[in-house]
Amino acid sequence: MTDLVAAVIGLTDRVEAAIEAGDWVEAQELEAERRRLLEQLAVANEPSALKETFTALEARNFRLIGLVEHQKRRVLREAAVARVAREGVAAYTAVGDGSGSATSIA
């Protein structure tokens, strides 16, 4: 394995760790560097010599995309829960200060 391949794999690991940690800025910066190295790797080598490496990296890319989608859904769920909680607090506050319409049971 060449030093360039090792660097790409190392950056792929770091991108994955940043995504899992929710550090989107770090993931984006690492991905930009990883892409730069991938371009160098593609230009510097015979494509058939790296077929296995690129196939493995493609599989990792799909895994990373899935991980990003999973994290995105998690964040959206958390945002929805926070929104519902804020709405509940607002409704409770409105009833408590008399500005809301509460039904009294006698």
Protein backbone atom coordinates (compact mmCIF):
# COMPACT_ATOMS: atom_id res chain seq x y z
CA MET A 1 0.00 0.00 0.00
CA THR A 2 1.38 3.38 -0.97
CA ASP A 3 1.68 6.27 1.45
CA LEU A 4 -1.02 8.10 -0.50
CA VAL A 5 -3.46 5.18 -0.16
CA ALA A 6 -2.71 4.99 3.57
CA ALA A 7 -3.32 8.74 3.90
CA VAL A 8 -6.68 8.45 2.09
CA ILE A 9 -7.76 5.56 4.32
CA GLY A 10 -6.64 7.46 7.42
CA LEU A 11 -8.62 10.52 6.33
CA THR A 12 -11.63 8.32 5.62
CA ASP A 13 -11.43 7.02 9.19
CA ARG A 14 -11.20 10.57 10.52
CA VAL A 15 -14.15 11.75 8.39
CA GLU A 16 -16.21 8.87 9.77
CA ALA A 17 -15.24 9.71 13.36
CA ALA A 18 -16.12 13.38 12.84
CA ILE A 19 -19.52 12.44 11.41
CA GLU A 20 -20.21 10.09 14.31
CA ALA A 21 -19.27 12.89 16.73
CA GLY A 22 -21.54 15.34 14.91
CA ASP A 23 -18.58 17.60 14.09
CA TRP A 24 -19.78 18.65 10.64
CA VAL A 25 -17.17 21.38 10.15
CA GLU A 26 -14.33 18.97 10.86
CA ALA A 27 -15.91 16.31 8.63
CA GLN A 28 -16.22 18.79 5.77
CA GLU A 29 -12.62 19.97 6.10
CA LEU A 30 -11.30 16.40 6.26
CA GLU A 31 -13.43 15.38 3.28
CA ALA A 32 -12.01 18.24 1.20
CA GLU A 33 -8.49 17.04 1.98
CA ARG A 34 -9.47 13.43 1.30
CA ARG A 35 -10.87 14.36 -2.11
CA ARG A 36 -7.69 16.22 -2.97
CA LEU A 37 -5.62 13.14 -2.13
CA LEU A 38 -8.00 10.86 -4.06
CA GLU A 39 -7.53 13.04 -7.14
CA GLN A 40 -3.75 12.81 -6.75
CA LEU A 41 -4.00 9.06 -6.32
CA ALA A 42 -6.12 8.68 -9.45
CA VAL A 43 -3.74 10.76 -11.58
CA ALA A 44 -0.54 9.21 -10.26
CA ASN A 45 -1.45 5.56 -10.78
CA GLU A 46 -2.71 3.18 -13.40
CA PRO A 47 -6.47 2.86 -12.72
CA SER A 48 -6.46 -0.95 -12.93
CA ALA A 49 -3.74 -1.11 -10.26
CA LEU A 50 -6.04 0.61 -7.77
CA LYS A 51 -9.33 -1.06 -8.68
CA GLU A 52 -9.53 -2.99 -5.41
CA THR A 53 -8.63 0.10 -3.38
CA PHE A 54 -11.21 2.26 -5.14
CA THR A 55 -13.86 -0.46 -4.76
CA ALA A 56 -13.21 -0.59 -1.01
CA LEU A 57 -13.26 3.21 -0.77
CA GLU A 58 -16.52 3.33 -2.72
CA ALA A 59 -18.09 0.97 -0.17
CA ARG A 60 -16.81 3.20 2.64
CA ASN A 61 -18.26 6.25 0.85
CA PHE A 62 -21.69 4.61 0.76
CA ARG A 63 -21.37 3.80 4.47
CA LEU A 64 -20.43 7.42 5.21
CA ILE A 65 -23.41 8.68 3.22
CA GLY A 66 -25.67 6.34 5.20
CA LEU A 67 -24.15 7.56 8.45
CA VAL A 68 -24.74 11.19 7.46
CA GLU A 69 -28.36 10.40 6.58
CA HIS A 70 -28.81 8.64 9.94
CA GLN A 71 -27.35 11.63 11.82
CA LYS A 72 -29.55 13.99 9.80
CA ARG A 73 -32.68 12.05 10.76
CA ARG A 74 -31.58 12.05 14.42
CA VAL A 75 -31.10 15.83 14.41
CA LEU A 76 -34.47 16.35 12.73
CA ARG A 77 -36.17 14.12 15.34
CA GLU A 78 -34.51 16.05 18.16
CA ALA A 79 -35.57 19.35 16.59
CA ALA A 80 -39.17 18.10 16.32
CA VAL A 81 -39.18 17.06 19.99
CA ALA A 82 -37.80 20.47 20.99
CA ARG A 83 -40.45 22.23 18.89
CA VAL A 84 -43.26 20.23 20.49
CA ALA A 85 -41.84 20.95 23.95
CA ARG A 86 -41.69 24.70 23.22
CA GLU A 87 -45.26 24.62 21.96
CA GLY A 88 -46.34 22.78 25.11
CA VAL A 89 -44.64 25.33 27.34
CA ALA A 90 -46.22 28.18 25.40
CA ALA A 91 -49.69 26.61 25.73
CA TYR A 92 -49.18 25.96 29.45
CA THR A 93 -47.99 29.52 29.97
CA ALA A 94 -50.93 30.94 28.04
CA VAL A 95 -53.41 28.98 30.18
CA GLY A 96 -51.57 29.89 33.38
CA ASP A 97 -51.61 33.64 32.76
CA GLY A 98 -55.23 33.69 31.67
CA SER A 99 -54.57 34.61 28.06
CA GLY A 100 -55.49 31.20 26.77
CA SER A 101 -58.89 29.62 26.55
CA ALA A 102 -59.28 27.03 29.23
CA THR A 103 -62.38 24.99 29.77
CA SER A 104 -63.43 24.75 33.37
CA ILE A 105 -65.15 21.70 34.65
CA ALA A 106 -67.63 22.38 37.41
